[in-house]
Structures are given as C-alpha cells and as structure tokens.
C-alpha cells in the first residue's frame, strides 16, 4: 500500500528524492533535445524513467510534479 507523502515538504526525504530525480531527468531530456547528451546521459535518463514511471500512477506525485513545473 502506498504511503501518503508530502512531496512539497523539504523534510520528507522520499518526496525530495523523487523531486530531485524528476528534475535531473528533465535536465537530461533538455541535453538530448539540444544535442549535447552523451551515452551516459541517455543511460542515466533511462534509469530515472525506470524509477519515476511507476510513480506516475500515484496522483499526488503526478500533481506535485506538474505544480513544480516538471514534466518528464
């Protein structure tokens, strides 16, 4: 059963981890779009997606990412 995390609470380590990972994924996507990505960047983005995509099924995280201006 999923726990109810506060994704905006900077004292919540789980929420911060996912927000940081989402921001990293967004930065890597931008590097790919700009044509500046290395193969390592592409692999890191793939790994970030493997962690983040299952969490898209949790509306609280999805809404939090959108509210933060992050999109993956």
Protein backbone atom coordinates (compact mmCIF):
# COMPACT_ATOMS: atom_id res chain seq x y z
CA UNK A 1 0.00 0.00 0.00
CA UNK A 2 1.40 3.40 -0.98
CA UNK A 3 2.16 5.85 1.77
CA UNK A 4 0.86 9.37 1.64
CA UNK A 5 3.98 11.52 1.28
CA UNK A 6 4.03 15.29 1.18
CA UNK A 7 6.04 15.92 -1.97
CA UNK A 8 6.42 19.64 -1.22
CA UNK A 9 7.78 19.11 2.30
CA UNK A 10 11.54 19.61 2.18
CA UNK A 11 11.82 17.49 5.34
CA UNK A 12 10.31 14.47 3.56
CA UNK A 13 13.31 12.54 2.20
CA UNK A 14 11.22 10.34 -0.11
CA UNK A 15 9.46 13.32 -1.67
CA UNK A 16 12.73 15.18 -2.09
CA UNK A 17 14.35 12.15 -3.71
CA UNK A 18 11.64 11.89 -6.34
CA UNK A 19 11.55 15.64 -6.99
CA UNK A 20 15.34 15.67 -7.40
CA UNK A 21 15.22 12.66 -9.70
CA UNK A 22 12.45 14.28 -11.77
CA UNK A 23 14.47 17.49 -12.10
CA UNK A 24 17.55 15.51 -13.12
CA UNK A 25 15.51 13.66 -15.74
CA UNK A 26 14.20 16.97 -17.06
CA UNK A 27 17.75 18.35 -17.32
CA UNK A 28 18.91 15.22 -19.17
CA UNK A 29 15.97 15.47 -21.57
CA UNK A 30 16.96 19.05 -22.32
CA UNK A 31 20.54 17.96 -23.09
CA UNK A 32 19.17 15.37 -25.53
CA UNK A 33 16.93 17.96 -27.20
CA UNK A 34 19.88 20.34 -27.55
CA UNK A 35 22.08 17.56 -28.93
CA UNK A 36 24.59 17.77 -26.08
CA UNK A 37 23.87 14.42 -24.42
CA UNK A 38 26.43 11.68 -24.00
CA UNK A 39 25.63 7.98 -23.98
CA UNK A 40 25.95 8.09 -20.19
CA UNK A 41 23.33 10.87 -20.07
CA UNK A 42 20.97 8.71 -22.10
CA UNK A 43 21.53 5.71 -19.82
CA UNK A 44 21.00 7.86 -16.73
CA UNK A 45 17.73 9.15 -18.17
CA UNK A 46 16.62 5.60 -18.88
CA UNK A 47 17.36 4.65 -15.27
CA UNK A 48 15.49 7.70 -13.98
CA UNK A 49 12.45 6.72 -16.04
CA UNK A 50 12.57 3.20 -14.59
CA UNK A 51 12.18 4.71 -11.13
CA UNK A 52 9.77 7.53 -11.97
CA UNK A 53 7.32 5.91 -14.38
CA UNK A 54 5.76 3.55 -11.80
CA UNK A 55 5.20 6.56 -9.56
CA UNK A 56 3.18 8.34 -12.25
CA UNK A 57 0.34 6.09 -11.18
CA UNK A 58 0.18 7.93 -7.87
CA UNK A 59 -1.83 11.12 -8.43
CA UNK A 60 -0.20 13.01 -5.57
CA UNK A 61 3.26 12.74 -7.14
CA UNK A 62 1.96 13.45 -10.62
CA UNK A 63 0.15 16.59 -9.41
CA UNK A 64 3.19 17.67 -7.43
CA UNK A 65 5.48 17.36 -10.44
CA UNK A 66 3.09 19.38 -12.59
CA UNK A 67 2.75 22.02 -9.86
CA UNK A 68 6.54 22.28 -9.71
CA UNK A 69 6.70 22.82 -13.47
CA UNK A 70 8.41 19.49 -14.08
CA UNK A 71 7.36 17.20 -16.87
CA UNK A 72 9.00 14.03 -17.95
